[in-house]
Amino acid sequence: MEPLRLKAEQPSACAKRPLYFILTLAMPPKSRWISSGAMRYVFSAATACLLFAATSSTAHGQGVKPEARASALKILSGNDQEGLVSTRLYTPLLVEVVDSAGSGVAGVKVDFSVTSGSAKLGSSDSTSRTTNRDGQTGVFVRLGDTAGEVVITASLGGRKPVEFKLAAKAPAMREIDLELLAAARKGDGATVEALLDRGADASARTSRGETPLMVAARSNSLETVAVLLARSAGPNAAGRHGITALITASSGGQTEMVRALLDHGADASKFDQTGRTPLIVAAPAGHSDIAGALLANGADVHMSDMGGVTALLIAAAKGHTEIAQALLANGADVNSENPNFGTTPLMAAAQAGHAATVRALLDYRADMERTSESLLRPPRTALMWAAAEGHKEAVEALLAKGADVNAKKRQKGTIAGRQGAVFHERQPRAEPHHNDGRGNRSRDTLRVGEPKPPFGEESEDQGEKRAQCSSPREH
């Protein structure tokens, strides 16, 4: 092919195209003698490179995950609604996910959950929805059977959540239902039965979500409770704070009422908004008969309240040995611990000085060497807790089972040297400036192998030292 010389001063028609002309000028002067076919090849290659770069840039932008592009979550509709209890709200709770430019982001998962009050999102208290092409999504809400405020939170990982505030209202009560509630509050079983015969509703609710059965249980009226249960009053209905008639009766020590409720199908493990079950509220006051009835009806011994407290932990802390033994016999974990403080039932009983409960827990092989791990308290074993509080009988019970008297507290000193006067009475005095083998000179480490005299007595070695210290010095 005949070479074609292109001059920058007189470009050809082909070179008048901007890219073609730029490539020509970019060549060194001596290299401008190239064939027209080669020039077309260079032009095509450069165009392809530019198109590829533009396409790659666009593809890269489209490849960013939707969650990374999402900047904020905002409410579109559904806030500040109100409706009757146990009904579905007409307007869905709608939100929009937008990017930094305010445009909707599709394909983002938004989590909805009920954070306060009683409501259902579908069939549960929480659900997830994915945004459509406009960046919007939503959920329908069915209010629960308790009147009051309902708060539903919509959240997107790492972004500020939004809250929908709703209101569940109780229907206006009939005059006869108001009379029924008043009679139940007074414990007037005959009037309650007469009102029910006239058409009063045994499931009527106050603005606080209370039924006649809950009111009668709080009034400790077994007769009225029996009448209402016989007329199909719901035994598992809960008030605004999730408190049932069974929780009320268990807390108040009303054994016969608890049995009547259980016989009519009350749930022995139903808990309130703070996680308290009938068993948990019965344990502090030592209602052993109620605890036994609840356990006989399948109460869950492993459940804890929002503070991580189980029925066994409360029974141990209060020294209710009979309840603790019943719980352990029904499968309660003897070494379960409070997640906030790391306290086990044995530690709680030892700290409070309940020696009988300590022995009962040890009979079920409670771990004596476990320490309470917490940011708020130093790590201690059950023996350390008993010694620190000066509980002699609890200390003796633990030592009788082989508790380690030389266990360390933060690896500094022994129990005897750091946990109070009880151990100074129980153990021989520490030998001054004892070397623990690691170069640490401590006044707190006991001599190993010495006899351990009973409380209030001293060893022969201690008596000799005391005599020497009390005699006048010779000069």
Protein backbone atom coordinates (compact mmCIF):
# COMPACT_ATOMS: atom_id res chain seq x y z
CA MET A 1 0.00 0.00 0.00
CA GLU A 2 1.35 3.42 -0.97
CA PRO A 3 2.32 5.54 2.00
CA LEU A 4 0.25 8.63 2.59
CA ARG A 5 1.82 11.64 4.19
CA LEU A 6 -0.50 13.69 6.38
CA LYS A 7 0.31 17.30 7.04
CA ALA A 8 -0.97 19.09 10.05
CA GLU A 9 -1.26 22.36 8.10
CA GLN A 10 -3.59 20.80 5.51
CA PRO A 11 -5.53 17.97 7.13
CA SER A 12 -7.52 15.68 4.92
CA ALA A 13 -11.27 15.22 5.19
CA CYS A 14 -10.71 12.13 7.35
CA ALA A 15 -8.45 14.03 9.67
CA LYS A 16 -11.06 16.71 10.18
CA ARG A 17 -12.77 14.36 12.59
CA PRO A 18 -11.63 15.51 16.04
CA LEU A 19 -10.26 12.23 17.41
CA TYR A 20 -8.55 11.38 14.11
CA PHE A 21 -6.90 14.80 13.98
CA ILE A 22 -5.78 14.68 17.63
CA LEU A 23 -4.13 11.30 17.14
CA THR A 24 -2.30 12.64 14.10
CA LEU A 25 -0.93 15.64 15.92
CA ALA A 26 0.08 13.47 18.88
CA MET A 27 2.54 11.55 16.65
CA PRO A 28 6.13 12.71 16.32
CA PRO A 29 6.73 14.52 12.97
CA LYS A 30 8.94 11.73 11.62
CA SER A 31 6.30 9.12 12.37
CA ARG A 32 3.46 10.72 10.47
CA TRP A 33 4.36 8.74 7.31
CA ILE A 34 1.95 5.87 7.92
CA SER A 35 -0.57 4.19 5.71
CA SER A 36 -4.22 5.20 5.77
CA GLY A 37 -5.16 1.61 6.81
CA ALA A 38 -2.90 1.81 9.84
CA MET A 39 -4.44 5.13 10.78
CA ARG A 40 -7.90 3.65 10.62
CA TYR A 41 -6.72 0.81 12.85
CA VAL A 42 -5.35 3.22 15.45
CA PHE A 43 -8.57 5.26 15.36
CA SER A 44 -10.73 2.16 15.87
CA ALA A 45 -8.61 0.91 18.76
CA ALA A 46 -8.70 4.27 20.54
CA THR A 47 -12.47 4.49 20.13
CA ALA A 48 -12.91 1.00 21.54
CA CYS A 49 -10.75 1.87 24.56
CA LEU A 50 -12.80 4.96 25.30
CA LEU A 51 -16.07 3.07 24.98
CA PHE A 52 -14.75 0.30 27.26
CA ALA A 53 -13.70 2.82 29.89
CA ALA A 54 -17.10 4.48 29.83
CA THR A 55 -18.90 1.14 30.01
CA SER A 56 -16.71 -0.04 32.90
CA SER A 57 -17.37 3.15 34.81
CA THR A 58 -21.11 2.75 34.37
CA ALA A 59 -21.01 -0.91 35.34
CA HIS A 60 -18.98 -0.11 38.41
CA GLY A 61 -21.57 2.39 39.57
CA GLN A 62 -24.36 -0.10 39.03
CA GLY A 63 -22.43 -2.80 40.94
CA VAL A 64 -22.55 -0.96 44.29
CA LYS A 65 -24.71 -2.81 46.79
CA PRO A 66 -28.06 -1.10 47.49
CA GLU A 67 -27.34 -1.06 51.24
CA ALA A 68 -24.15 0.92 50.60
CA ARG A 69 -26.01 3.52 48.54
CA ALA A 70 -28.76 3.92 51.13
CA SER A 71 -28.32 7.11 53.11
CA ALA A 72 -31.49 7.58 55.14
CA LEU A 73 -34.86 6.08 56.06
CA LYS A 74 -37.97 8.24 56.22
CA ILE A 75 -41.66 7.74 56.96
CA LEU A 76 -44.14 8.14 54.11
CA SER A 77 -47.44 7.25 55.77
CA GLY A 78 -49.08 5.31 58.59
CA ASN A 79 -47.79 7.27 61.58
CA ASP A 80 -50.08 8.55 64.38
CA GLN A 81 -52.90 6.12 63.61
CA GLU A 82 -55.39 4.84 66.14
CA GLY A 83 -57.86 1.98 66.14
CA LEU A 84 -59.79 -0.41 68.34
CA VAL A 85 -57.99 -3.26 70.04
CA SER A 86 -57.73 -6.52 68.06
CA THR A 87 -58.39 -4.78 64.73
CA ARG A 88 -56.27 -4.18 61.65
CA LEU A 89 -55.27 -0.63 60.79
CA TYR A 90 -56.37 0.47 57.34
CA THR A 91 -53.25 2.43 56.40
CA PRO A 92 -49.99 0.46 56.06
CA LEU A 93 -46.78 1.72 57.62
CA LEU A 94 -44.79 2.96 54.61
CA VAL A 95 -41.14 4.00 54.55
CA GLU A 96 -38.74 5.12 51.84
CA VAL A 97 -35.01 4.44 51.58
CA VAL A 98 -33.11 7.23 49.82
CA ASP A 99 -29.50 7.86 48.81
CA SER A 100 -27.47 11.01 49.42
CA ALA A 101 -29.16 12.71 46.45
CA GLY A 102 -32.64 11.97 47.77
CA SER A 103 -33.45 9.29 45.19
CA GLY A 104 -35.11 6.02 46.17
CA VAL A 105 -32.91 2.93 46.51
CA ALA A 106 -34.36 -0.40 45.39
CA GLY A 107 -33.55 -3.82 46.82
CA VAL A 108 -32.85 -2.74 50.41
CA LYS A 109 -34.14 -4.85 53.32
CA VAL A 110 -35.94 -2.90 56.06
CA ASP A 111 -36.68 -4.51 59.44
CA PHE A 112 -39.96 -3.74 61.23
CA SER A 113 -40.46 -4.68 64.89
CA VAL A 114 -42.91 -3.96 67.72
CA THR A 115 -40.87 -2.22 70.44
CA SER A 116 -43.72 -1.22 72.75
CA GLY A 117 -47.35 -2.19 73.24
CA SER A 118 -49.30 -5.07 71.76
CA ALA A 119 -49.49 -5.60 67.97
CA LYS A 120 -48.73 -8.09 65.23
CA LEU A 121 -46.87 -7.58 61.95
CA GLY A 122 -48.27 -10.46 59.98
CA SER A 123 -48.01 -13.47 62.27
CA SER A 124 -45.21 -12.25 64.54
CA ASP A 125 -43.81 -9.23 66.37
CA SER A 126 -41.19 -8.54 63.70
CA THR A 127 -40.72 -8.90 59.96
CA SER A 128 -38.54 -7.73 57.07
CA ARG A 129 -39.54 -6.15 53.77
CA THR A 130 -37.52 -5.23 50.65
CA THR A 131 -37.89 -1.87 48.91
CA ASN A 132 -39.40 -1.68 45.41
CA ARG A 133 -37.91 0.19 42.45
CA ASP A 134 -39.01 3.48 43.99
CA GLY A 135 -37.22 2.68 47.26
CA GLN A 136 -40.47 2.15 49.18
CA THR A 137 -41.80 -0.67 51.32
CA GLY A 138 -44.30 -1.17 54.13
CA VAL A 139 -46.25 -3.48 56.38
CA PHE A 140 -49.79 -3.83 57.72
CA VAL A 141 -50.42 -3.84 61.48
CA ARG A 142 -53.01 -5.65 63.57
CA LEU A 143 -53.39 -4.16 67.03
CA GLY A 144 -53.30 -6.48 70.01
CA ASP A 145 -55.96 -7.04 72.62
CA THR A 146 -54.51 -4.47 75.05
CA ALA A 147 -55.35 -0.77 74.91
CA GLY A 148 -52.52 1.75 74.99
CA GLU A 149 -49.69 3.17 72.91
CA VAL A 150 -47.99 0.97 70.33
CA VAL A 151 -44.53 1.80 68.97
CA ILE A 152 -43.22 0.08 65.84
CA THR A 153 -39.65 0.68 64.71
CA ALA A 154 -38.38 0.48 61.12
CA SER A 155 -34.61 0.06 60.94
CA LEU A 156 -31.91 -0.16 58.31
CA GLY A 157 -28.49 -1.40 59.37
CA GLY A 158 -26.22 1.46 60.42
CA ARG A 159 -28.80 4.17 59.72
CA LYS A 160 -31.01 6.04 62.13
CA PRO A 161 -34.27 4.08 62.67
CA VAL A 162 -37.71 5.65 62.49
CA GLU A 163 -40.64 5.06 64.84
CA PHE A 164 -44.35 4.77 64.13
CA LYS A 165 -46.48 5.74 67.14
CA LEU A 166 -49.94 4.18 67.14
CA ALA A 167 -52.79 4.02 69.65
CA ALA A 168 -54.97 1.02 70.49
CA LYS A 169 -58.26 2.03 72.08
CA ALA A 170 -60.73 -0.09 73.98
CA PRO A 171 -64.31 0.01 72.73
CA ALA A 172 -66.81 1.97 74.77
CA MET A 173 -68.09 -0.24 77.57
CA ARG A 174 -71.74 -0.90 78.15
CA GLU A 175 -73.31 0.06 81.44
CA ILE A 176 -73.88 -3.56 82.38
CA ASP A 177 -70.20 -4.38 81.77
CA LEU A 178 -69.16 -1.50 84.01
CA GLU A 179 -71.39 -2.92 86.72
CA LEU A 180 -69.76 -6.33 86.23
CA LEU A 181 -66.30 -4.86 86.74
CA ALA A 182 -67.43 -3.03 89.85
CA ALA A 183 -68.91 -6.23 91.32
CA ALA A 184 -65.73 -8.19 90.51
CA ARG A 185 -63.64 -5.50 92.20
CA LYS A 186 -65.75 -5.84 95.35
CA GLY A 187 -65.57 -9.63 95.25
CA ASP A 188 -69.36 -9.93 95.05
CA GLY A 189 -69.73 -13.32 93.39
CA ALA A 190 -73.54 -13.38 93.55
CA THR A 191 -73.88 -10.03 91.77
CA VAL A 192 -71.32 -11.08 89.16
CA GLU A 193 -73.31 -14.22 88.39
CA ALA A 194 -76.56 -12.25 88.16
CA LEU A 195 -75.02 -9.72 85.75
CA LEU A 196 -73.66 -12.50 83.59
CA ASP A 197 -77.15 -14.01 83.44
CA ARG A 198 -78.41 -10.63 82.19
CA GLY A 199 -75.90 -10.58 79.33
CA ALA A 200 -72.79 -8.95 80.77
CA ASP A 201 -69.57 -9.81 78.92
CA ALA A 202 -67.11 -11.85 80.99
CA SER A 203 -64.32 -10.73 78.60
CA ALA A 204 -65.08 -7.00 78.73
CA ARG A 205 -61.99 -4.82 79.12
CA THR A 206 -61.26 -1.52 80.76
CA SER A 207 -59.15 1.19 79.14
CA ARG A 208 -56.16 -0.43 80.87
CA GLY A 209 -56.95 -3.76 79.25
CA GLU A 210 -58.16 -5.44 82.44
CA THR A 211 -60.90 -8.06 82.43
CA PRO A 212 -63.28 -8.89 85.31
CA LEU A 213 -61.15 -11.99 86.02
CA MET A 214 -57.98 -9.90 86.50
CA VAL A 215 -59.85 -7.49 88.76
CA ALA A 216 -61.25 -10.34 90.86
CA ALA A 217 -57.81 -11.95 91.18
CA ARG A 218 -56.30 -8.69 92.39
CA SER A 219 -59.12 -8.44 94.94
CA ASN A 220 -58.30 -11.95 96.19
CA SER A 221 -61.88 -13.09 95.66
CA LEU A 222 -61.76 -16.81 94.99
CA GLU A 223 -65.56 -17.04 94.78
CA THR A 224 -65.75 -14.40 92.03
CA VAL A 225 -62.85 -15.98 90.14
CA ALA A 226 -64.61 -19.35 90.26
CA VAL A 227 -67.84 -17.83 88.90
CA LEU A 228 -66.05 -16.08 86.03
CA LEU A 229 -64.04 -19.17 85.10
CA ALA A 230 -67.23 -21.24 85.06
CA ARG A 231 -68.70 -18.69 82.61
CA SER A 232 -65.81 -19.01 80.14
CA ALA A 233 -63.71 -16.02 81.18
CA GLY A 234 -60.32 -16.27 79.47
CA PRO A 235 -57.66 -17.33 82.02
CA ASN A 236 -54.74 -16.16 79.87
CA ALA A 237 -55.95 -12.64 79.09
CA ALA A 238 -53.29 -10.05 79.91
CA GLY A 239 -53.51 -6.38 80.82
CA ARG A 240 -51.53 -3.43 79.50
CA HIS A 241 -48.26 -4.60 81.04
CA GLY A 242 -48.80 -8.25 80.21
CA ILE A 243 -49.89 -9.21 83.73
CA THR A 244 -52.31 -12.13 83.84
CA ALA A 245 -54.63 -13.26 86.62
CA LEU A 246 -52.24 -16.16 87.31
CA ILE A 247 -49.26 -13.84 87.78
CA THR A 248 -51.34 -11.72 90.16
CA ALA A 249 -52.50 -14.74 92.18
CA SER A 250 -48.98 -16.26 92.30
CA SER A 251 -47.46 -13.02 93.53
CA GLY A 252 -50.12 -12.62 96.22
CA GLY A 253 -49.77 -16.14 97.59
CA GLN A 254 -53.32 -17.16 96.66
CA THR A 255 -52.76 -20.90 96.40
CA GLU A 256 -56.36 -22.03 95.82
CA MET A 257 -56.89 -19.35 93.19
CA VAL A 258 -53.71 -20.44 91.41
CA ARG A 259 -54.97 -24.01 91.34
CA ALA A 260 -58.37 -22.93 90.04
CA LEU A 261 -56.78 -20.91 87.22
CA LEU A 262 -54.46 -23.77 86.30
CA ASP A 263 -57.38 -26.22 86.27
CA HIS A 264 -59.12 -23.97 83.72
CA GLY A 265 -56.16 -23.82 81.36
CA ALA A 266 -54.04 -20.91 82.58
CA ASP A 267 -50.53 -20.95 81.08
CA ALA A 268 -48.01 -21.58 83.87
CA SER A 269 -45.17 -20.06 81.81
CA LYS A 270 -46.87 -16.97 80.38
CA PHE A 271 -44.77 -13.90 81.21
CA ASP A 272 -45.41 -10.18 81.46
CA GLN A 273 -43.63 -7.34 79.66
CA THR A 274 -40.65 -7.54 82.02
CA GLY A 275 -40.28 -11.30 81.49
CA ARG A 276 -41.64 -12.33 84.91
CA THR A 277 -43.43 -15.67 84.99
CA PRO A 278 -45.78 -16.90 87.75
CA LEU A 279 -42.89 -19.00 89.07
CA ILE A 280 -40.53 -16.02 89.23
CA VAL A 281 -43.02 -13.86 91.16
CA ALA A 282 -43.87 -16.71 93.57
CA ALA A 283 -40.24 -17.42 94.51
CA PRO A 284 -39.29 -14.21 96.41
CA ALA A 285 -42.06 -14.58 99.00
CA GLY A 286 -41.43 -18.29 99.50
CA HIS A 287 -44.80 -19.53 98.23
CA SER A 288 -43.68 -23.16 98.02
CA ASP A 289 -47.20 -24.58 97.54
CA ILE A 290 -47.77 -22.28 94.58
CA ALA A 291 -44.36 -23.14 93.14
CA GLY A 292 -45.24 -26.81 93.43
CA ALA A 293 -48.58 -26.32 91.68
CA LEU A 294 -46.93 -24.37 88.87
CA LEU A 295 -44.22 -27.00 88.43
CA ALA A 296 -46.83 -29.73 88.36
CA ASN A 297 -48.50 -27.89 85.47
CA GLY A 298 -45.36 -27.60 83.37
CA ALA A 299 -43.90 -24.23 84.42
CA ASP A 300 -40.60 -23.57 82.65
CA VAL A 301 -37.80 -23.51 85.27
CA HIS A 302 -35.25 -22.04 82.84
CA MET A 303 -37.03 -18.79 82.03
CA SER A 304 -35.62 -15.50 83.31
CA ASP A 305 -36.85 -11.93 83.44
CA MET A 306 -35.36 -9.01 81.53
CA GLY A 307 -32.67 -8.67 84.19
CA GLY A 308 -31.52 -12.27 83.70
CA VAL A 309 -32.99 -13.42 87.03
CA THR A 310 -34.42 -16.94 87.24
CA ALA A 311 -36.73 -18.40 89.87
CA LEU A 312 -33.83 -20.47 91.25
CA LEU A 313 -31.59 -17.44 91.62
CA ILE A 314 -34.30 -15.57 93.55
CA ALA A 315 -35.09 -18.55 95.77
CA ALA A 316 -31.40 -19.00 96.59
CA ALA A 317 -30.89 -15.30 97.34
CA LYS A 318 -33.93 -15.26 99.64
CA GLY A 319 -33.03 -18.54 101.35
CA HIS A 320 -36.16 -20.45 100.30
CA THR A 321 -34.54 -23.87 100.35
CA GLU A 322 -37.71 -25.86 99.70
CA ILE A 323 -38.48 -23.93 96.51
CA ALA A 324 -34.86 -24.21 95.37
CA GLN A 325 -34.92 -27.99 95.87
CA ALA A 326 -38.21 -28.27 93.95
CA LEU A 327 -36.78 -26.26 91.07
CA LEU A 328 -33.61 -28.36 90.98
CA ALA A 329 -35.64 -31.57 91.09
CA ASN A 330 -37.52 -30.33 88.01
CA GLY A 331 -34.37 -29.70 85.99
CA ALA A 332 -33.28 -26.15 86.90
CA ASP A 333 -29.60 -25.49 86.13
CA VAL A 334 -27.75 -25.28 89.45
CA ASN A 335 -24.94 -23.28 87.81
CA SER A 336 -27.06 -20.86 85.81
CA GLU A 337 -25.83 -17.30 86.19
CA ASN A 338 -27.16 -13.79 85.94
CA PRO A 339 -25.69 -12.42 82.66
CA ASN A 340 -25.36 -8.93 84.13
CA PHE A 341 -23.35 -9.84 87.24
CA GLY A 342 -22.22 -13.42 86.64
CA THR A 343 -23.82 -14.49 89.93
CA THR A 344 -24.86 -18.13 90.35
CA PRO A 345 -27.47 -19.40 92.85
CA LEU A 346 -24.66 -20.68 95.09
CA MET A 347 -22.99 -17.25 95.16
CA ALA A 348 -26.32 -15.56 95.89
CA ALA A 349 -27.06 -17.93 98.79
CA ALA A 350 -23.52 -17.63 100.19
CA GLN A 351 -23.53 -13.84 99.98
CA ALA A 352 -26.84 -13.69 101.87
CA GLY A 353 -25.67 -16.24 104.43
CA HIS A 354 -28.32 -18.91 103.82
CA ALA A 355 -26.33 -21.96 104.94
CA ALA A 356 -29.18 -24.46 104.44
CA THR A 357 -29.68 -23.30 100.88
CA VAL A 358 -25.93 -23.46 100.27
CA ARG A 359 -25.92 -27.10 101.40
CA ALA A 360 -28.91 -27.93 99.18
CA LEU A 361 -27.20 -26.42 96.15
CA LEU A 362 -23.98 -28.26 96.93
CA ASP A 363 -25.94 -31.52 97.11
CA TYR A 364 -26.84 -30.87 93.46
CA ARG A 365 -23.13 -30.34 92.66
CA ALA A 366 -23.05 -26.59 92.38
CA ASP A 367 -19.68 -25.34 91.14
CA MET A 368 -17.85 -23.87 94.17
CA GLU A 369 -14.88 -22.56 92.21
CA ARG A 370 -16.76 -20.56 89.61
CA THR A 371 -16.23 -16.81 89.93
CA SER A 372 -18.68 -14.02 89.24
CA GLU A 373 -17.44 -12.20 86.14
CA SER A 374 -18.81 -8.68 85.77
CA LEU A 375 -17.62 -5.21 84.82
CA LEU A 376 -19.37 -3.86 87.90
CA ARG A 377 -18.00 -6.26 90.53
CA PRO A 378 -14.68 -7.99 91.20
CA PRO A 379 -14.58 -11.72 90.45
CA ARG A 380 -15.36 -13.78 93.55
CA THR A 381 -16.17 -17.39 94.35
CA ALA A 382 -19.04 -18.37 96.62
CA LEU A 383 -16.53 -18.79 99.47
CA MET A 384 -15.23 -15.26 98.90
CA TRP A 385 -18.75 -13.85 99.02
CA ALA A 386 -19.57 -15.68 102.26
CA ALA A 387 -16.30 -14.60 103.87
CA ALA A 388 -16.64 -10.99 102.76
CA GLU A 389 -20.06 -10.78 104.39
CA GLY A 390 -18.98 -12.62 107.54
CA HIS A 391 -21.37 -15.57 107.22
CA LYS A 392 -19.75 -18.24 109.39
CA GLU A 393 -22.17 -21.12 108.72
CA ALA A 394 -22.10 -20.59 104.96
CA VAL A 395 -18.29 -20.59 105.03
CA GLU A 396 -18.26 -23.85 107.04
CA ALA A 397 -20.71 -25.47 104.62
CA LEU A 398 -18.49 -24.60 101.66
CA LEU A 399 -15.27 -25.69 103.37
CA ALA A 400 -16.91 -28.98 104.37
CA LYS A 401 -17.43 -29.70 100.68
CA GLY A 402 -13.83 -28.84 99.81
CA ALA A 403 -13.98 -25.23 98.66
CA ASP A 404 -10.51 -23.89 97.81
CA VAL A 405 -9.44 -21.55 100.59
CA ASN A 406 -6.39 -20.50 98.57
CA ALA A 407 -8.38 -19.36 95.54
CA LYS A 408 -7.14 -16.04 94.24
CA LYS A 409 -9.04 -12.82 93.85
CA ARG A 410 -7.61 -11.05 90.78
CA GLN A 411 -4.48 -13.17 91.35
CA LYS A 412 -3.51 -11.06 94.38
CA GLY A 413 -3.52 -12.75 97.78
CA THR A 414 -5.65 -15.53 99.17
CA ILE A 415 -9.20 -15.52 100.42
CA ALA A 416 -7.99 -15.57 104.02
CA GLY A 417 -5.84 -12.51 103.55
CA ARG A 418 -8.45 -10.39 101.77
CA GLN A 419 -11.97 -11.45 102.62
CA GLY A 420 -12.61 -10.29 106.19
CA ALA A 421 -12.26 -11.27 109.81
CA VAL A 422 -14.03 -14.61 109.41
CA PHE A 423 -11.02 -16.18 107.77
CA HIS A 424 -8.58 -14.68 110.26
CA GLU A 425 -10.50 -16.58 112.94
CA ARG A 426 -10.76 -19.69 110.85
CA GLN A 427 -7.18 -19.94 109.56
CA PRO A 428 -3.64 -19.61 111.02
CA ARG A 429 -2.02 -16.23 110.59
CA ALA A 430 -0.13 -15.57 107.38
CA GLU A 431 3.64 -15.85 107.60
CA PRO A 432 5.16 -12.38 107.02
CA HIS A 433 6.87 -11.70 103.70
CA HIS A 434 6.17 -15.10 102.23
CA ASN A 435 7.65 -15.60 98.76
CA ASP A 436 5.09 -17.17 96.47
CA GLY A 437 7.69 -18.59 94.07
CA ARG A 438 7.24 -15.84 91.48
CA GLY A 439 9.31 -13.20 93.23
CA ASN A 440 6.24 -11.65 94.89
CA ARG A 441 6.55 -11.03 98.60
CA SER A 442 3.11 -11.21 100.14
CA ARG A 443 1.83 -10.97 103.69
CA ASP A 444 -1.45 -12.60 102.69
CA THR A 445 -0.48 -16.16 101.73
CA LEU A 446 -1.20 -18.92 104.25
CA ARG A 447 1.30 -21.62 105.13
CA VAL A 448 0.08 -24.75 103.40
CA GLY A 449 -0.47 -27.91 105.43
CA GLU A 450 -1.16 -26.36 108.83
CA PRO A 451 -4.16 -27.62 110.80
CA LYS A 452 -7.32 -25.53 110.55
CA PRO A 453 -8.75 -24.92 114.05
CA PRO A 454 -12.49 -24.32 114.49
CA PHE A 455 -13.83 -20.81 114.68
CA GLY A 456 -12.89 -19.04 117.91
CA GLU A 457 -9.91 -21.35 118.63
CA GLU A 458 -6.23 -20.82 117.87
CA SER A 459 -3.38 -23.13 117.01
CA GLU A 460 -0.48 -23.85 119.38
CA ASP A 461 1.83 -21.87 117.11
CA GLN A 462 -0.48 -18.85 117.27
CA GLY A 463 -0.58 -19.06 121.10
CA GLU A 464 3.20 -19.15 121.35
CA LYS A 465 3.57 -16.15 119.07
CA ARG A 466 0.97 -14.21 121.01
CA ALA A 467 2.78 -14.99 124.28
CA GLN A 468 6.09 -13.86 122.82
CA CYS A 469 4.58 -10.62 121.49
CA SER A 470 2.87 -9.86 124.80
CA SER A 471 6.00 -10.48 126.99
CA PRO A 472 8.29 -7.50 127.75
CA ARG A 473 11.42 -7.24 125.62
CA GLU A 474 14.79 -7.85 127.14
CA HIS A 475 17.39 -5.16 126.51
